[in-house]
Structures are given as C-alpha cells and as structure tokens.
C-alpha cells in the first residue's frame, strides 16, 4: 500500500466518523460541523506522514503489533488534543472521537490491505 492510498483510506473512514460522533454527542451548528471537517482533515495531514515515516524507521527494531500500538497511541494523543482544543470538543470528547476514529481507520485499513494487496 502506498502512503497516499493509506492517507485516503484514513480520511474516508475518520472524517465522517469524527464529525458524526461529535454531532451525536453535542449540539453543533452547520458552520461548526464544517469547521470540524476541516480540522479533522488537517489533523490527519499532520499525523499521517509522521506515522508513516515512524513505521518505516521502527520496522527493523519493533514487531508490527508493538510498532502499530505506539504509533497509533501517538496519533490518538495528537489528534485528540487538536479536536479538544481547536474544535472545542473538550478533552474527553476529543480523545474519545480520536480513539474511535483511529481504531476504525487502522482496522479498516488492515482489512482493505489484506483484501486488495
């Protein structure tokens, strides 16, 4: 799988999930939902390249499960912080939607990888 395809899969899974969860857990205007959509895309554009390169660099040293756990935990922390602070979701909601979205995109990406590659 290439990095652009992995990023696209992540965006397709994470954007609607974060926006949907945020909307389900708090009342948001259309403007706030649109801003959140942009924030989710930006957060992914920040974390994805770092996660991709980290995976490449850590491959010789850590097995897949350990590597993926560390990298995904870091992505959840960074994206959750962005969601909590920039979109005013608050810490609990921000971390929750980040964890849910990253878990879904990680396992969804694995499923797609094993089906297609």
N, C-alpha and C. Protein backbone atom coordinates (compact mmCIF):
# COMPACT_ATOMS: atom_id res chain seq x y z
N UNK A 1 0.85 -1.18 0.00
CA UNK A 1 0.00 0.00 0.00
C UNK A 1 0.89 1.23 0.00
N UNK A 2 0.51 2.21 -0.76
CA UNK A 2 1.29 3.44 -0.81
C UNK A 2 0.79 4.43 0.25
N UNK A 3 1.62 5.40 0.56
CA UNK A 3 1.24 6.40 1.56
C UNK A 3 0.00 7.20 1.14
N UNK A 4 -0.09 7.67 -0.10
CA UNK A 4 -1.31 8.42 -0.48
C UNK A 4 -2.59 7.59 -0.35
N UNK A 5 -2.52 6.30 -0.70
CA UNK A 5 -3.70 5.45 -0.58
C UNK A 5 -4.06 5.26 0.89
N UNK A 6 -3.05 5.05 1.73
CA UNK A 6 -3.29 4.90 3.17
C UNK A 6 -3.91 6.18 3.75
N UNK A 7 -3.42 7.33 3.33
CA UNK A 7 -3.99 8.60 3.79
C UNK A 7 -5.44 8.74 3.34
N UNK A 8 -5.72 8.40 2.10
CA UNK A 8 -7.07 8.48 1.57
C UNK A 8 -8.02 7.56 2.35
N UNK A 9 -7.58 6.34 2.61
CA UNK A 9 -8.40 5.41 3.39
C UNK A 9 -8.68 5.99 4.77
N UNK A 10 -7.64 6.53 5.40
CA UNK A 10 -7.80 7.14 6.72
C UNK A 10 -8.80 8.28 6.71
N UNK A 11 -8.71 9.13 5.72
CA UNK A 11 -9.63 10.27 5.62
C UNK A 11 -11.06 9.82 5.38
N UNK A 12 -11.23 8.85 4.48
CA UNK A 12 -12.58 8.36 4.15
C UNK A 12 -13.25 7.74 5.38
N UNK A 13 -12.46 7.10 6.22
CA UNK A 13 -13.03 6.48 7.42
C UNK A 13 -13.16 7.48 8.56
N UNK A 14 -12.10 8.25 8.81
CA UNK A 14 -12.07 9.11 10.01
C UNK A 14 -12.95 10.35 9.92
N UNK A 15 -12.98 11.02 8.79
CA UNK A 15 -13.72 12.28 8.70
C UNK A 15 -15.19 12.10 9.04
N UNK A 16 -15.90 11.20 8.37
CA UNK A 16 -17.33 11.07 8.72
C UNK A 16 -17.55 10.55 10.14
N UNK A 17 -16.63 9.71 10.62
CA UNK A 17 -16.78 9.17 11.97
C UNK A 17 -16.61 10.25 13.03
N UNK A 18 -15.58 11.06 12.91
CA UNK A 18 -15.37 12.13 13.89
C UNK A 18 -16.51 13.13 13.85
N UNK A 19 -16.89 13.56 12.66
CA UNK A 19 -17.98 14.54 12.54
C UNK A 19 -19.28 13.95 13.07
N UNK A 20 -19.56 12.69 12.75
CA UNK A 20 -20.78 12.04 13.22
C UNK A 20 -20.81 11.87 14.73
N UNK A 21 -19.68 11.43 15.31
CA UNK A 21 -19.62 11.27 16.77
C UNK A 21 -19.73 12.61 17.48
N UNK A 22 -19.05 13.61 16.95
CA UNK A 22 -19.13 14.94 17.57
C UNK A 22 -20.55 15.46 17.52
N UNK A 23 -21.19 15.27 16.39
CA UNK A 23 -22.57 15.74 16.24
C UNK A 23 -23.52 14.98 17.16
N UNK A 24 -23.25 13.70 17.34
CA UNK A 24 -24.12 12.88 18.20
C UNK A 24 -23.94 13.21 19.68
N UNK A 25 -22.77 13.71 20.05
CA UNK A 25 -22.50 13.94 21.48
C UNK A 25 -22.69 15.39 21.91
N UNK A 26 -22.84 16.30 20.97
CA UNK A 26 -23.11 17.69 21.33
C UNK A 26 -23.79 18.40 20.18
N UNK A 27 -24.56 19.41 20.53
CA UNK A 27 -25.27 20.18 19.52
C UNK A 27 -24.27 21.07 18.79
N UNK A 28 -24.26 20.99 17.46
CA UNK A 28 -23.32 21.77 16.65
C UNK A 28 -24.07 22.41 15.49
N UNK A 29 -23.69 23.65 15.18
CA UNK A 29 -24.25 24.32 14.02
C UNK A 29 -23.61 23.75 12.76
N UNK A 30 -24.21 24.06 11.64
CA UNK A 30 -23.64 23.62 10.36
C UNK A 30 -22.24 24.20 10.16
N UNK A 31 -22.05 25.45 10.57
CA UNK A 31 -20.74 26.08 10.47
C UNK A 31 -19.71 25.34 11.33
N UNK A 32 -20.09 24.97 12.56
CA UNK A 32 -19.18 24.24 13.44
C UNK A 32 -18.85 22.86 12.87
N UNK A 33 -19.83 22.19 12.27
CA UNK A 33 -19.57 20.88 11.65
C UNK A 33 -18.60 21.01 10.47
N UNK A 34 -18.78 22.04 9.67
CA UNK A 34 -17.88 22.27 8.55
C UNK A 34 -16.47 22.58 9.04
N UNK A 35 -16.36 23.39 10.09
CA UNK A 35 -15.05 23.68 10.66
C UNK A 35 -14.40 22.41 11.21
N UNK A 36 -15.19 21.56 11.85
CA UNK A 36 -14.66 20.31 12.37
C UNK A 36 -14.17 19.41 11.23
N UNK A 37 -14.91 19.38 10.15
CA UNK A 37 -14.48 18.60 8.97
C UNK A 37 -13.09 19.06 8.51
N UNK A 38 -12.88 20.34 8.45
CA UNK A 38 -11.58 20.88 8.04
C UNK A 38 -10.50 20.54 9.08
N UNK A 39 -10.85 20.63 10.35
CA UNK A 39 -9.90 20.31 11.43
C UNK A 39 -9.49 18.84 11.38
N UNK A 40 -10.45 17.95 11.13
CA UNK A 40 -10.14 16.52 11.05
C UNK A 40 -9.20 16.24 9.88
N UNK A 41 -9.47 16.86 8.75
CA UNK A 41 -8.58 16.69 7.59
C UNK A 41 -7.18 17.21 7.91
N UNK A 42 -7.10 18.39 8.51
CA UNK A 42 -5.80 18.97 8.86
C UNK A 42 -5.04 18.09 9.86
N UNK A 43 -5.75 17.59 10.87
CA UNK A 43 -5.10 16.73 11.86
C UNK A 43 -4.52 15.49 11.19
N UNK A 44 -5.26 14.92 10.25
CA UNK A 44 -4.76 13.74 9.54
C UNK A 44 -3.58 14.07 8.64
N UNK A 45 -3.60 15.23 8.02
CA UNK A 45 -2.47 15.64 7.19
C UNK A 45 -1.22 15.91 8.03
N UNK A 46 -1.41 16.21 9.31
CA UNK A 46 -0.27 16.39 10.22
C UNK A 46 0.25 15.04 10.70
N UNK A 47 -0.64 14.19 11.19
CA UNK A 47 -0.19 12.95 11.83
C UNK A 47 0.16 11.83 10.86
N UNK A 48 -0.53 11.75 9.74
CA UNK A 48 -0.29 10.62 8.83
C UNK A 48 1.15 10.51 8.33
N UNK A 49 1.74 11.59 7.81
CA UNK A 49 3.12 11.46 7.32
C UNK A 49 4.11 11.08 8.42
N UNK A 50 3.88 11.60 9.62
CA UNK A 50 4.76 11.27 10.74
C UNK A 50 4.60 9.80 11.12
N UNK A 51 3.35 9.34 11.17
CA UNK A 51 3.10 7.93 11.49
C UNK A 51 3.69 7.02 10.43
N UNK A 52 3.55 7.39 9.17
CA UNK A 52 4.09 6.58 8.08
C UNK A 52 5.61 6.46 8.18
N UNK A 53 6.27 7.59 8.36
CA UNK A 53 7.74 7.57 8.45
C UNK A 53 8.21 6.87 9.72
N UNK A 54 7.49 7.06 10.81
CA UNK A 54 7.84 6.37 12.06
C UNK A 54 7.77 4.87 11.89
N UNK A 55 6.75 4.41 11.20
CA UNK A 55 6.61 2.98 10.93
C UNK A 55 7.81 2.47 10.13
N UNK A 56 8.17 3.21 9.10
CA UNK A 56 9.32 2.81 8.27
C UNK A 56 10.61 2.76 9.09
N UNK A 57 10.82 3.75 9.94
CA UNK A 57 12.05 3.83 10.73
C UNK A 57 12.10 2.76 11.82
N UNK A 58 10.96 2.41 12.40
CA UNK A 58 10.93 1.45 13.50
C UNK A 58 10.84 -0.01 13.06
N UNK A 59 10.59 -0.24 11.78
CA UNK A 59 10.43 -1.60 11.27
C UNK A 59 11.56 -2.56 11.67
N UNK A 60 12.83 -2.14 11.57
CA UNK A 60 13.89 -3.08 11.93
C UNK A 60 13.98 -3.38 13.43
N UNK A 61 13.35 -2.57 14.25
CA UNK A 61 13.54 -2.67 15.69
C UNK A 61 12.36 -3.23 16.47
N UNK A 62 11.14 -3.05 15.95
CA UNK A 62 9.95 -3.47 16.69
C UNK A 62 9.04 -4.31 15.81
N UNK A 63 8.37 -5.28 16.42
CA UNK A 63 7.42 -6.07 15.64
C UNK A 63 6.20 -5.21 15.30
N UNK A 64 5.38 -5.71 14.40
CA UNK A 64 4.26 -4.92 13.89
C UNK A 64 3.31 -4.46 14.99
N UNK A 65 2.94 -5.38 15.88
CA UNK A 65 1.96 -5.04 16.92
C UNK A 65 2.47 -3.94 17.83
N UNK A 66 3.70 -4.04 18.27
CA UNK A 66 4.28 -3.03 19.16
C UNK A 66 4.40 -1.70 18.43
N UNK A 67 4.91 -1.74 17.22
CA UNK A 67 5.09 -0.54 16.40
C UNK A 67 3.75 0.15 16.17
N UNK A 68 2.77 -0.60 15.74
CA UNK A 68 1.46 -0.03 15.44
C UNK A 68 0.81 0.55 16.69
N UNK A 69 0.94 -0.12 17.81
CA UNK A 69 0.36 0.37 19.06
C UNK A 69 0.96 1.70 19.46
N UNK A 70 2.28 1.80 19.42
CA UNK A 70 2.96 3.05 19.80
C UNK A 70 2.57 4.18 18.85
N UNK A 71 2.61 3.90 17.57
CA UNK A 71 2.32 4.93 16.57
C UNK A 71 0.86 5.38 16.66
N UNK A 72 -0.07 4.44 16.79
CA UNK A 72 -1.49 4.80 16.87
C UNK A 72 -1.81 5.55 18.17
N UNK A 73 -1.16 5.17 19.27
CA UNK A 73 -1.38 5.90 20.52
C UNK A 73 -0.91 7.34 20.39
N UNK A 74 0.21 7.55 19.71
CA UNK A 74 0.70 8.91 19.50
C UNK A 74 -0.26 9.69 18.61
N UNK A 75 -0.77 9.05 17.56
CA UNK A 75 -1.72 9.73 16.67
C UNK A 75 -3.00 10.09 17.41
N UNK A 76 -3.49 9.19 18.24
CA UNK A 76 -4.69 9.46 19.04
C UNK A 76 -4.46 10.66 19.96
N UNK A 77 -3.30 10.69 20.61
CA UNK A 77 -2.99 11.80 21.53
C UNK A 77 -2.93 13.14 20.79
N UNK A 78 -2.24 13.17 19.66
CA UNK A 78 -2.10 14.43 18.90
C UNK A 78 -3.44 14.86 18.34
N UNK A 79 -4.12 13.95 17.65
CA UNK A 79 -5.41 14.32 17.05
C UNK A 79 -6.45 14.65 18.12
N UNK A 80 -6.46 13.89 19.21
CA UNK A 80 -7.40 14.17 20.29
C UNK A 80 -7.18 15.55 20.90
N UNK A 81 -5.91 15.92 21.03
CA UNK A 81 -5.58 17.26 21.54
C UNK A 81 -6.07 18.33 20.57
N UNK A 82 -5.85 18.10 19.29
CA UNK A 82 -6.33 19.06 18.29
C UNK A 82 -7.84 19.18 18.35
N UNK A 83 -8.54 18.05 18.40
CA UNK A 83 -10.01 18.09 18.45
C UNK A 83 -10.49 18.78 19.72
N UNK A 84 -9.83 18.50 20.83
CA UNK A 84 -10.24 19.08 22.11
C UNK A 84 -10.04 20.58 22.14
N UNK A 85 -8.92 21.04 21.64
CA UNK A 85 -8.56 22.44 21.75
C UNK A 85 -9.09 23.30 20.60
N UNK A 86 -8.89 22.85 19.40
CA UNK A 86 -9.23 23.68 18.24
C UNK A 86 -10.72 23.67 17.95
N UNK A 87 -11.38 22.54 18.14
CA UNK A 87 -12.81 22.48 17.81
C UNK A 87 -13.71 22.58 19.03
N UNK A 88 -13.11 22.80 20.21
CA UNK A 88 -13.89 22.97 21.44
C UNK A 88 -14.73 21.75 21.81
N UNK A 89 -14.23 20.56 21.47
CA UNK A 89 -14.96 19.35 21.87
C UNK A 89 -14.73 19.02 23.34
N UNK A 90 -13.66 19.56 23.91
CA UNK A 90 -13.30 19.20 25.28
C UNK A 90 -12.41 17.96 25.26
N UNK A 91 -11.72 17.74 26.38
CA UNK A 91 -10.74 16.65 26.42
C UNK A 91 -11.35 15.27 26.27
N UNK A 92 -12.39 15.00 27.02
CA UNK A 92 -13.00 13.66 26.96
C UNK A 92 -13.53 13.35 25.58
N UNK A 93 -14.33 14.26 25.04
CA UNK A 93 -14.90 14.04 23.71
C UNK A 93 -13.83 14.00 22.64
N UNK A 94 -12.87 14.91 22.74
CA UNK A 94 -11.79 14.95 21.75
C UNK A 94 -11.00 13.66 21.70
N UNK A 95 -10.63 13.15 22.88
CA UNK A 95 -9.87 11.90 22.94
C UNK A 95 -10.73 10.71 22.52
N UNK A 96 -12.00 10.73 22.93
CA UNK A 96 -12.90 9.64 22.56
C UNK A 96 -13.06 9.53 21.05
N UNK A 97 -13.37 10.66 20.40
CA UNK A 97 -13.57 10.59 18.95
C UNK A 97 -12.27 10.27 18.23
N UNK A 98 -11.15 10.74 18.75
CA UNK A 98 -9.86 10.42 18.15
C UNK A 98 -9.57 8.93 18.26
N UNK A 99 -9.79 8.36 19.43
CA UNK A 99 -9.56 6.93 19.63
C UNK A 99 -10.47 6.09 18.73
N UNK A 100 -11.74 6.44 18.69
CA UNK A 100 -12.69 5.70 17.86
C UNK A 100 -12.32 5.79 16.38
N UNK A 101 -12.00 7.00 15.94
CA UNK A 101 -11.67 7.20 14.52
C UNK A 101 -10.37 6.50 14.13
N UNK A 102 -9.36 6.61 14.98
CA UNK A 102 -8.08 5.96 14.66
C UNK A 102 -8.19 4.44 14.71
N UNK A 103 -8.95 3.91 15.64
CA UNK A 103 -9.15 2.46 15.69
C UNK A 103 -9.88 1.99 14.43
N UNK A 104 -10.92 2.72 14.04
CA UNK A 104 -11.67 2.35 12.85
C UNK A 104 -10.81 2.43 11.60
N UNK A 105 -10.02 3.48 11.46
CA UNK A 105 -9.21 3.61 10.25
C UNK A 105 -8.05 2.61 10.25
N UNK A 106 -7.50 2.30 11.42
CA UNK A 106 -6.43 1.31 11.49
C UNK A 106 -6.95 -0.07 11.07
N UNK A 107 -8.03 -0.52 11.70
CA UNK A 107 -8.55 -1.85 11.38
C UNK A 107 -9.20 -1.89 10.00
N UNK A 108 -9.83 -0.79 9.60
CA UNK A 108 -10.37 -0.72 8.25
C UNK A 108 -9.27 -0.76 7.21
N UNK A 109 -8.18 -0.04 7.49
CA UNK A 109 -7.03 -0.06 6.58
C UNK A 109 -6.41 -1.44 6.48
N UNK A 110 -6.29 -2.12 7.61
CA UNK A 110 -5.78 -3.51 7.59
C UNK A 110 -6.66 -4.42 6.76
N UNK A 111 -7.97 -4.30 6.95
CA UNK A 111 -8.91 -5.13 6.20
C UNK A 111 -8.78 -4.87 4.70
N UNK A 112 -8.71 -3.61 4.33
CA UNK A 112 -8.57 -3.26 2.91
C UNK A 112 -7.24 -3.78 2.38
N UNK A 113 -6.18 -3.62 3.15
CA UNK A 113 -4.87 -4.09 2.74
C UNK A 113 -4.88 -5.59 2.46
N UNK A 114 -5.47 -6.36 3.38
CA UNK A 114 -5.47 -7.82 3.21
C UNK A 114 -6.41 -8.28 2.11
N UNK A 115 -7.42 -7.49 1.80
CA UNK A 115 -8.33 -7.83 0.70
C UNK A 115 -7.73 -7.50 -0.67
N UNK A 116 -7.01 -6.37 -0.74
CA UNK A 116 -6.53 -5.88 -2.03
C UNK A 116 -5.08 -6.20 -2.34
N UNK A 117 -4.25 -6.34 -1.32
CA UNK A 117 -2.81 -6.46 -1.58
C UNK A 117 -2.27 -7.79 -1.20
